[in-house]
PDB file of N, CA and C in Angstrom:
ATOM      1  N   MET A   1      -1.086 -18.233  -8.401  1.00  0.00           N
ATOM      2  CA  MET A   1      -1.271 -16.803  -8.331  1.00  0.00           C
ATOM      3  C   MET A   1      -0.684 -16.240  -7.032  1.00  0.00           C
ATOM      4  N   GLN A   2      -0.144 -15.077  -7.138  1.00  0.00           N
ATOM      5  CA  GLN A   2       0.453 -14.371  -5.992  1.00  0.00           C
ATOM      6  C   GLN A   2      -0.620 -13.540  -5.314  1.00  0.00           C
ATOM      7  N   THR A   3      -0.632 -13.504  -3.999  1.00  0.00           N
ATOM      8  CA  THR A   3      -1.535 -12.641  -3.245  1.00  0.00           C
ATOM      9  C   THR A   3      -0.771 -11.359  -2.915  1.00  0.00           C
ATOM     10  N   TYR A   4      -1.403 -10.226  -3.227  1.00  0.00           N
ATOM     11  CA  TYR A   4      -0.808  -8.909  -2.922  1.00  0.00           C
ATOM     12  C   TYR A   4      -1.702  -8.267  -1.854  1.00  0.00           C
ATOM     13  N   TYR A   5      -1.074  -7.591  -0.917  1.00  0.00           N
ATOM     14  CA  TYR A   5      -1.764  -6.910   0.168  1.00  0.00           C
ATOM     15  C   TYR A   5      -1.508  -5.409  -0.021  1.00  0.00           C
ATOM     16  N   TYR A   6      -2.490  -4.621   0.379  1.00  0.00           N
ATOM     17  CA  TYR A   6      -2.339  -3.175   0.142  1.00  0.00           C
ATOM     18  C   TYR A   6      -2.851  -2.332   1.302  1.00  0.00           C
ATOM     19  N   VAL A   7      -2.279  -1.137   1.322  1.00  0.00           N
ATOM     20  CA  VAL A   7      -2.776  -0.009   2.125  1.00  0.00           C
ATOM     21  C   VAL A   7      -3.198   1.014   1.106  1.00  0.00           C
ATOM     22  N   LEU A   8      -4.390   1.553   1.250  1.00  0.00           N
ATOM     23  CA  LEU A   8      -4.950   2.478   0.278  1.00  0.00           C
ATOM     24  C   LEU A   8      -5.430   3.726   0.995  1.00  0.00           C
ATOM     25  N   ALA A   9      -5.145   4.889   0.425  1.00  0.00           N
ATOM     26  CA  ALA A   9      -5.610   6.157   0.955  1.00  0.00           C
ATOM     27  C   ALA A   9      -5.588   7.186  -0.157  1.00  0.00           C
ATOM     28  N   SER A  10      -6.169   8.341   0.144  1.00  0.00           N
ATOM     29  CA  SER A  10      -6.093   9.424  -0.856  1.00  0.00           C
ATOM     30  C   SER A  10      -4.649   9.874  -0.994  1.00  0.00           C
ATOM     31  N   GLN A  11      -4.308  10.291  -2.166  1.00  0.00           N
ATOM     32  CA  GLN A  11      -2.951  10.758  -2.425  1.00  0.00           C
ATOM     33  C   GLN A  11      -2.633  11.933  -1.509  1.00  0.00           C
ATOM     34  N   LYS A  12      -3.604  12.813  -1.343  1.00  0.00           N
ATOM     35  CA  LYS A  12      -3.373  14.008  -0.472  1.00  0.00           C
ATOM     36  C   LYS A  12      -3.084  13.584   0.957  1.00  0.00           C
ATOM     37  N   PHE A  13      -3.813  12.632   1.488  1.00  0.00           N
ATOM     38  CA  PHE A  13      -3.606  12.178   2.847  1.00  0.00           C
ATOM     39  C   PHE A  13      -2.183  11.615   3.012  1.00  0.00           C
ATOM     40  N   LEU A  14      -1.768  10.796   2.082  1.00  0.00           N
ATOM     41  CA  LEU A  14      -0.424  10.184   2.193  1.00  0.00           C
ATOM     42  C   LEU A  14       0.682  11.211   2.006  1.00  0.00           C
ATOM     43  N   GLU A  15       0.425  12.284   1.273  1.00  0.00           N
ATOM     44  CA  GLU A  15       1.428  13.356   1.130  1.00  0.00           C
ATOM     45  C   GLU A  15       1.593  14.075   2.476  1.00  0.00           C
ATOM     46  N   GLU A  16       0.518  14.147   3.268  1.00  0.00           N
ATOM     47  CA  GLU A  16       0.574  14.846   4.541  1.00  0.00           C
ATOM     48  C   GLU A  16       1.180  13.993   5.660  1.00  0.00           C
ATOM     49  N   GLU A  17       1.202  12.677   5.452  1.00  0.00           N
ATOM     50  CA  GLU A  17       1.787  11.755   6.449  1.00  0.00           C
ATOM     51  C   GLU A  17       3.270  11.592   6.187  1.00  0.00           C
ATOM     52  N   PRO A  18       4.035  11.099   7.146  1.00  0.00           N
ATOM     53  CA  PRO A  18       5.497  10.920   6.960  1.00  0.00           C
ATOM     54  C   PRO A  18       5.803   9.653   6.136  1.00  0.00           C
ATOM     55  N   LEU A  19       5.044   9.437   5.071  1.00  0.00           N
ATOM     56  CA  LEU A  19       5.163   8.183   4.313  1.00  0.00           C
ATOM     57  C   LEU A  19       6.555   8.013   3.669  1.00  0.00           C
ATOM     58  N   GLU A  20       7.046   9.094   3.111  1.00  0.00           N
ATOM     59  CA  GLU A  20       8.350   9.015   2.462  1.00  0.00           C
ATOM     60  C   GLU A  20       9.434   8.535   3.459  1.00  0.00           C
ATOM     61  N   GLU A  21       9.397   9.091   4.655  1.00  0.00           N
ATOM     62  CA  GLU A  21      10.364   8.700   5.674  1.00  0.00           C
ATOM     63  C   GLU A  21      10.167   7.231   6.098  1.00  0.00           C
ATOM     64  N   VAL A  22       8.925   6.821   6.226  1.00  0.00           N
ATOM     65  CA  VAL A  22       8.610   5.428   6.621  1.00  0.00           C
ATOM     66  C   VAL A  22       9.133   4.458   5.564  1.00  0.00           C
ATOM     67  N   LEU A  23       8.901   4.753   4.272  1.00  0.00           N
ATOM     68  CA  LEU A  23       9.370   3.855   3.216  1.00  0.00           C
ATOM     69  C   LEU A  23      10.869   3.893   3.071  1.00  0.00           C
ATOM     70  N   ARG A  24      11.482   5.033   3.293  1.00  0.00           N
ATOM     71  CA  ARG A  24      12.955   5.122   3.256  1.00  0.00           C
ATOM     72  C   ARG A  24      13.568   4.259   4.345  1.00  0.00           C
ATOM     73  N   GLU A  25      13.007   4.362   5.564  1.00  0.00           N
ATOM     74  CA  GLU A  25      13.500   3.545   6.697  1.00  0.00           C
ATOM     75  C   GLU A  25      13.332   2.067   6.404  1.00  0.00           C
ATOM     76  N   ARG A  26      12.199   1.692   5.827  1.00  0.00           N
ATOM     77  CA  ARG A  26      11.946   0.282   5.526  1.00  0.00           C
ATOM     78  C   ARG A  26      12.894  -0.222   4.426  1.00  0.00           C
ATOM     79  N   THR A  27      13.176   0.604   3.432  1.00  0.00           N
ATOM     80  CA  THR A  27      14.097   0.258   2.367  1.00  0.00           C
ATOM     81  C   THR A  27      15.502   0.037   2.933  1.00  0.00           C
ATOM     82  N   ARG A  28      15.922   0.957   3.815  1.00  0.00           N
ATOM     83  CA  ARG A  28      17.234   0.821   4.452  1.00  0.00           C
ATOM     84  C   ARG A  28      17.305  -0.460   5.250  1.00  0.00           C
ATOM     85  N   HIS A  29      16.263  -0.755   5.996  1.00  0.00           N
ATOM     86  CA  HIS A  29      16.202  -1.984   6.821  1.00  0.00           C
ATOM     87  C   HIS A  29      16.335  -3.239   5.911  1.00  0.00           C
ATOM     88  N   TYR A  30      15.627  -3.232   4.792  1.00  0.00           N
ATOM     89  CA  TYR A  30      15.689  -4.369   3.867  1.00  0.00           C
ATOM     90  C   TYR A  30      17.119  -4.548   3.338  1.00  0.00           C
ATOM     91  N   HIS A  31      17.748  -3.416   2.966  1.00  0.00           N
ATOM     92  CA  HIS A  31      19.129  -3.499   2.442  1.00  0.00           C
ATOM     93  C   HIS A  31      20.072  -4.044   3.517  1.00  0.00           C
ATOM     94  N   GLU A  32      19.921  -3.566   4.741  1.00  0.00           N
ATOM     95  CA  GLU A  32      20.791  -4.077   5.831  1.00  0.00           C
ATOM     96  C   GLU A  32      20.595  -5.566   6.060  1.00  0.00           C
ATOM     97  N   GLN A  33      19.386  -6.054   5.920  1.00  0.00           N
ATOM     98  CA  GLN A  33      19.083  -7.471   6.074  1.00  0.00           C
ATOM     99  C   GLN A  33      19.309  -8.298   4.819  1.00  0.00           C
ATOM    100  N   GLU A  34      19.785  -7.603   3.752  1.00  0.00           N
ATOM    101  CA  GLU A  34      19.972  -8.245   2.443  1.00  0.00           C
ATOM    102  C   GLU A  34      18.698  -8.920   1.971  1.00  0.00           C
ATOM    103  N   LYS A  35      17.607  -8.234   2.190  1.00  0.00           N
ATOM    104  CA  LYS A  35      16.278  -8.724   1.795  1.00  0.00           C
ATOM    105  C   LYS A  35      15.784  -7.989   0.586  1.00  0.00           C
ATOM    106  N   GLU A  36      15.164  -8.713  -0.319  1.00  0.00           N
ATOM    107  CA  GLU A  36      14.628  -8.111  -1.538  1.00  0.00           C
ATOM    108  C   GLU A  36      13.440  -7.228  -1.229  1.00  0.00           C
ATOM    109  N   ILE A  37      13.354  -6.076  -1.895  1.00  0.00           N
ATOM    110  CA  ILE A  37      12.232  -5.152  -1.693  1.00  0.00           C
ATOM    111  C   ILE A  37      10.958  -5.843  -2.171  1.00  0.00           C
ATOM    112  N   ASP A  38       9.949  -5.862  -1.336  1.00  0.00           N
ATOM    113  CA  ASP A  38       8.669  -6.537  -1.668  1.00  0.00           C
ATOM    114  C   ASP A  38       7.481  -5.609  -1.511  1.00  0.00           C
ATOM    115  N   PHE A  39       7.735  -4.288  -1.714  1.00  0.00           N
ATOM    116  CA  PHE A  39       6.639  -3.349  -1.657  1.00  0.00           C
ATOM    117  C   PHE A  39       6.832  -2.257  -2.709  1.00  0.00           C
ATOM    118  N   TRP A  40       5.693  -1.684  -3.123  1.00  0.00           N
ATOM    119  CA  TRP A  40       5.731  -0.654  -4.181  1.00  0.00           C
ATOM    120  C   TRP A  40       4.721   0.421  -3.844  1.00  0.00           C
ATOM    121  N   LEU A  41       5.089   1.664  -4.141  1.00  0.00           N
ATOM    122  CA  LEU A  41       4.175   2.813  -3.999  1.00  0.00           C
ATOM    123  C   LEU A  41       3.565   3.057  -5.384  1.00  0.00           C
ATOM    124  N   VAL A  42       2.231   3.018  -5.478  1.00  0.00           N
ATOM    125  CA  VAL A  42       1.561   3.128  -6.750  1.00  0.00           C
ATOM    126  C   VAL A  42       0.498   4.204  -6.692  1.00  0.00           C
ATOM    127  N   ASN A  43       0.661   5.257  -7.533  1.00  0.00           N
ATOM    128  CA  ASN A  43      -0.375   6.282  -7.616  1.00  0.00           C
ATOM    129  C   ASN A  43      -1.446   5.789  -8.565  1.00  0.00           C
ATOM    130  N   GLN A  44      -2.700   6.057  -8.245  1.00  0.00           N
ATOM    131  CA  GLN A  44      -3.858   5.659  -9.029  1.00  0.00           C
ATOM    132  C   GLN A  44      -3.749   4.187  -9.472  1.00  0.00           C
ATOM    133  N   PRO A  45      -3.724   3.269  -8.532  1.00  0.00           N
ATOM    134  CA  PRO A  45      -3.511   1.841  -8.835  1.00  0.00           C
ATOM    135  C   PRO A  45      -4.625   1.276  -9.740  1.00  0.00           C
ATOM    136  N   ALA A  46      -4.189   0.522 -10.758  1.00  0.00           N
ATOM    137  CA  ALA A  46      -5.106  -0.081 -11.711  1.00  0.00           C
ATOM    138  C   ALA A  46      -6.015  -1.118 -11.099  1.00  0.00           C
ATOM    139  N   PHE A  47      -5.612  -1.759 -10.012  1.00  0.00           N
ATOM    140  CA  PHE A  47      -6.457  -2.800  -9.440  1.00  0.00           C
ATOM    141  C   PHE A  47      -7.809  -2.243  -8.984  1.00  0.00           C
ATOM    142  N   LEU A  48      -7.881  -0.934  -8.733  1.00  0.00           N
ATOM    143  CA  LEU A  48      -9.133  -0.334  -8.304  1.00  0.00           C
ATOM    144  C   LEU A  48     -10.184  -0.296  -9.435  1.00  0.00           C
ATOM    145  N   GLU A  49      -9.728  -0.502 -10.659  1.00  0.00           N
ATOM    146  CA  GLU A  49     -10.634  -0.469 -11.813  1.00  0.00           C
ATOM    147  C   GLU A  49     -11.384  -1.799 -12.017  1.00  0.00           C
ATOM    148  N   SER A  50     -10.947  -2.837 -11.335  1.00  0.00           N
ATOM    149  CA  SER A  50     -11.607  -4.147 -11.514  1.00  0.00           C
ATOM    150  C   SER A  50     -12.978  -4.105 -10.836  1.00  0.00           C
ATOM    151  N   PRO A  51     -13.948  -4.827 -11.420  1.00  0.00           N
ATOM    152  CA  PRO A  51     -15.308  -4.824 -10.848  1.00  0.00           C
ATOM    153  C   PRO A  51     -15.351  -5.252  -9.367  1.00  0.00           C
ATOM    154  N   GLN A  52     -14.461  -6.149  -8.969  1.00  0.00           N
ATOM    155  CA  GLN A  52     -14.448  -6.620  -7.574  1.00  0.00           C
ATOM    156  C   GLN A  52     -14.032  -5.512  -6.595  1.00  0.00           C
ATOM    157  N   MET A  53     -13.388  -4.497  -7.104  1.00  0.00           N
ATOM    158  CA  MET A  53     -12.879  -3.424  -6.225  1.00  0.00           C
ATOM    159  C   MET A  53     -13.721  -2.158  -6.279  1.00  0.00           C
ATOM    160  N   SER A  54     -14.878  -2.226  -6.941  1.00  0.00           N
ATOM    161  CA  SER A  54     -15.705  -0.987  -7.092  1.00  0.00           C
ATOM    162  C   SER A  54     -16.100  -0.370  -5.750  1.00  0.00           C
ATOM    163  N   GLN A  55     -16.441  -1.218  -4.780  1.00  0.00           N
ATOM    164  CA  GLN A  55     -16.831  -0.699  -3.469  1.00  0.00           C
ATOM    165  C   GLN A  55     -15.640  -0.042  -2.754  1.00  0.00           C
ATOM    166  N   VAL A  56     -14.473  -0.659  -2.866  1.00  0.00           N
ATOM    167  CA  VAL A  56     -13.258  -0.116  -2.236  1.00  0.00           C
ATOM    168  C   VAL A  56     -12.961   1.245  -2.880  1.00  0.00           C
ATOM    169  N   LYS A  57     -13.048   1.329  -4.217  1.00  0.00           N
ATOM    170  CA  LYS A  57     -12.772   2.591  -4.925  1.00  0.00           C
ATOM    171  C   LYS A  57     -13.721   3.682  -4.468  1.00  0.00           C
ATOM    172  N   GLN A  58     -15.015   3.339  -4.286  1.00  0.00           N
ATOM    173  CA  GLN A  58     -15.984   4.318  -3.848  1.00  0.00           C
ATOM    174  C   GLN A  58     -15.687   4.860  -2.478  1.00  0.00           C
ATOM    175  N   GLU A  59     -15.117   4.025  -1.634  1.00  0.00           N
ATOM    176  CA  GLU A  59     -14.864   4.416  -0.226  1.00  0.00           C
ATOM    177  C   GLU A  59     -13.574   5.196  -0.046  1.00  0.00           C
ATOM    178  N   CYS A  60     -12.750   5.271  -1.059  1.00  0.00           N
ATOM    179  CA  CYS A  60     -11.475   5.985  -0.961  1.00  0.00           C
ATOM    180  C   CYS A  60     -11.529   7.260  -1.813  1.00  0.00           C
ATOM    181  N   PRO A  61     -11.233   8.416  -1.192  1.00  0.00           N
ATOM    182  CA  PRO A  61     -11.160   9.642  -1.983  1.00  0.00           C
ATOM    183  C   PRO A  61     -10.133   9.524  -3.100  1.00  0.00           C
ATOM    184  N   GLN A  62     -10.461  10.099  -4.240  1.00  0.00           N
ATOM    185  CA  GLN A  62      -9.601  10.052  -5.396  1.00  0.00           C
ATOM    186  C   GLN A  62      -8.863  11.382  -5.569  1.00  0.00           C
ATOM    187  N   PRO A  63      -7.686  11.400  -6.171  1.00  0.00           N
ATOM    188  CA  PRO A  63      -6.941  10.253  -6.638  1.00  0.00           C
ATOM    189  C   PRO A  63      -6.379   9.441  -5.456  1.00  0.00           C
ATOM    190  N   ALA A  64      -6.315   8.152  -5.643  1.00  0.00           N
ATOM    191  CA  ALA A  64      -5.846   7.257  -4.583  1.00  0.00           C
ATOM    192  C   ALA A  64      -4.389   6.843  -4.827  1.00  0.00           C
ATOM    193  N   THR A  65      -3.753   6.477  -3.728  1.00  0.00           N
ATOM    194  CA  THR A  65      -2.408   5.916  -3.790  1.00  0.00           C
ATOM    195  C   THR A  65      -2.392   4.675  -2.925  1.00  0.00           C
ATOM    196  N   ALA A  66      -1.631   3.674  -3.389  1.00  0.00           N
ATOM    197  CA  ALA A  66      -1.554   2.439  -2.628  1.00  0.00           C
ATOM    198  C   ALA A  66      -0.085   2.059  -2.378  1.00  0.00           C
ATOM    199  N   ILE A  67       0.148   1.420  -1.265  1.00  0.00           N
ATOM    200  CA  ILE A  67       1.422   0.726  -1.020  1.00  0.00           C
ATOM    201  C   ILE A  67       1.021  -0.749  -1.117  1.00  0.00           C
ATOM    202  N   ILE A  68       1.651  -1.433  -2.064  1.00  0.00           N
ATOM    203  CA  ILE A  68       1.325  -2.843  -2.334  1.00  0.00           C
ATOM    204  C   ILE A  68       2.506  -3.678  -1.944  1.00  0.00           C
ATOM    205  N   SER A  69       2.244  -4.826  -1.328  1.00  0.00           N
ATOM    206  CA  SER A  69       3.333  -5.712  -0.857  1.00  0.00           C
ATOM    207  C   SER A  69       2.883  -7.167  -0.930  1.00  0.00           C
ATOM    208  N   THR A  70       3.874  -8.037  -0.963  1.00  0.00           N
ATOM    209  CA  THR A  70       3.593  -9.478  -0.849  1.00  0.00           C
ATOM    210  C   THR A  70       3.672  -9.918   0.613  1.00  0.00           C
ATOM    211  N   ASN A  71       4.030  -8.983   1.499  1.00  0.00           N
ATOM    212  CA  ASN A  71       4.217  -9.261   2.913  1.00  0.00           C
ATOM    213  C   ASN A  71       3.049  -8.717   3.746  1.00  0.00           C
ATOM    214  N   PRO A  72       2.125  -9.533   4.191  1.00  0.00           N
ATOM    215  CA  PRO A  72       0.963  -9.042   4.939  1.00  0.00           C
ATOM    216  C   PRO A  72       1.364  -8.379   6.257  1.00  0.00           C
ATOM    217  N   LYS A  73       2.446  -8.806   6.888  1.00  0.00           N
ATOM    218  CA  LYS A  73       2.848  -8.200   8.167  1.00  0.00           C
ATOM    219  C   LYS A  73       3.285  -6.757   7.961  1.00  0.00           C
ATOM    220  N   PHE A  74       3.934  -6.440   6.835  1.00  0.00           N
ATOM    221  CA  PHE A  74       4.340  -5.097   6.509  1.00  0.00           C
ATOM    222  C   PHE A  74       3.121  -4.214   6.344  1.00  0.00           C
ATOM    223  N   ILE A  75       2.089  -4.702   5.673  1.00  0.00           N
ATOM    224  CA  ILE A  75       0.866  -3.930   5.435  1.00  0.00           C
ATOM    225  C   ILE A  75       0.165  -3.666   6.794  1.00  0.00           C
ATOM    226  N   THR A  76       0.139  -4.670   7.662  1.00  0.00           N
ATOM    227  CA  THR A  76      -0.438  -4.480   8.994  1.00  0.00           C
ATOM    228  C   THR A  76       0.322  -3.413   9.766  1.00  0.00           C
ATOM    229  N   TRP A  77       1.640  -3.466   9.685  1.00  0.00           N
ATOM    230  CA  TRP A  77       2.485  -2.484  10.361  1.00  0.00           C
ATOM    231  C   TRP A  77       2.206  -1.084   9.811  1.00  0.00           C
ATOM    232  N   LEU A  78       2.074  -0.939   8.479  1.00  0.00           N
ATOM    233  CA  LEU A  78       1.735   0.363   7.897  1.00  0.00           C
ATOM    234  C   LEU A  78       0.389   0.854   8.359  1.00  0.00           C
ATOM    235  N   LYS A  79      -0.572  -0.016   8.416  1.00  0.00           N
ATOM    236  CA  LYS A  79      -1.922   0.345   8.871  1.00  0.00           C
ATOM    237  C   LYS A  79      -1.870   0.908  10.273  1.00  0.00           C
ATOM    238  N   LEU A  80      -1.120   0.290  11.149  1.00  0.00           N
ATOM    239  CA  LEU A  80      -0.978   0.801  12.527  1.00  0.00           C
ATOM    240  C   LEU A  80      -0.241   2.114  12.557  1.00  0.00           C
ATOM    241  N   ARG A  81       0.697   2.294  11.679  1.00  0.00           N
ATOM    242  CA  ARG A  81       1.522   3.503  11.625  1.00  0.00           C
ATOM    243  C   ARG A  81       0.732   4.694  11.029  1.00  0.00           C
ATOM    244  N   LEU A  82      -0.031   4.421   9.983  1.00  0.00           N
ATOM    245  CA  LEU A  82      -0.742   5.504   9.251  1.00  0.00           C
ATOM    246  C   LEU A  82      -2.196   5.717   9.709  1.00  0.00           C
ATOM    247  N   GLU A  83      -2.776   4.706  10.321  1.00  0.00           N
ATOM    248  CA  GLU A  83      -4.115   4.724  10.884  1.00  0.00           C
ATOM    249  C   GLU A  83      -5.270   4.863   9.894  1.00  0.00           C
ATOM    250  N   PHE A  84      -5.477   6.022   9.311  1.00  0.00           N
ATOM    251  CA  PHE A  84      -6.698   6.302   8.511  1.00  0.00           C
ATOM    252  C   PHE A  84      -6.551   5.815   7.065  1.00  0.00           C
ATOM    253  N   VAL A  85      -6.343   4.523   6.883  1.00  0.00           N
ATOM    254  CA  VAL A  85      -6.177   3.959   5.554  1.00  0.00           C
ATOM    255  C   VAL A  85      -7.029   2.679   5.464  1.00  0.00           C
ATOM    256  N   LYS A  86      -7.272   2.247   4.247  1.00  0.00           N
ATOM    257  CA  LYS A  86      -7.956   0.981   3.995  1.00  0.00           C
ATOM    258  C   LYS A  86      -6.921  -0.053   3.702  1.00  0.00           C
ATOM    259  N   THR A  87      -7.181  -1.271   4.088  1.00  0.00           N
ATOM    260  CA  THR A  87      -6.278  -2.386   3.758  1.00  0.00           C
ATOM    261  C   THR A  87      -7.108  -3.491   3.089  1.00  0.00           C
ATOM    262  N   GLY A  88      -6.414  -4.332   2.354  1.00  0.00           N
ATOM    263  CA  GLY A  88      -7.075  -5.429   1.700  1.00  0.00           C
ATOM    264  C   GLY A  88      -6.068  -6.287   0.977  1.00  0.00           C
ATOM    265  N   GLU A  89      -6.607  -7.167   0.150  1.00  0.00           N
ATOM    266  CA  GLU A  89      -5.731  -8.030  -0.655  1.00  0.00           C
ATOM    267  C   GLU A  89      -6.408  -8.372  -1.971  1.00  0.00           C
ATOM    268  N   PHE A  90      -5.583  -8.787  -2.919  1.00  0.00           N
ATOM    269  CA  PHE A  90      -6.101  -9.241  -4.222  1.00  0.00           C
ATOM    270  C   PHE A  90      -5.124 -10.229  -4.804  1.00  0.00           C
ATOM    271  N   ALA A  91      -5.637 -11.051  -5.719  1.00  0.00           N
ATOM    272  CA  ALA A  91      -4.785 -12.038  -6.370  1.00  0.00           C
ATOM    273  C   ALA A  91      -4.272 -11.424  -7.673  1.00  0.00           C
ATOM    274  N   GLY A  92      -3.012 -11.646  -7.946  1.00  0.00           N
ATOM    275  CA  GLY A  92      -2.419 -11.135  -9.160  1.00  0.00           C
ATOM    276  C   GLY A  92      -1.515 -12.176  -9.798  1.00  0.00           C
ATOM    277  N   PRO A  93      -0.996 -11.831 -10.948  1.00  0.00           N
ATOM    278  CA  PRO A  93      -0.128 -12.796 -11.658  1.00  0.00           C
ATOM    279  C   PRO A  93       1.164 -13.113 -10.905  1.00  0.00           C
TER     280      PRO A  93
END
């Protein structure tokens, strides 16, 4: 199973932050390094519906948006950049 790491916040909060610019810069960096994109922006992520995530869902204003990645360092970097977000991980296919 693959471990996925996430940054989670309300959709409204992320719209007010320079998220689009941050993700565009990161995408450009990956292309320059010839690295495969390993992150996704997901509105109303389905993983929040699992019973294990009920507490996380309660703590995040809805509708929620997540940036999901297989790279934990990228998620840590986003957390430092965006500040008022939740982070975590889950196992997926």
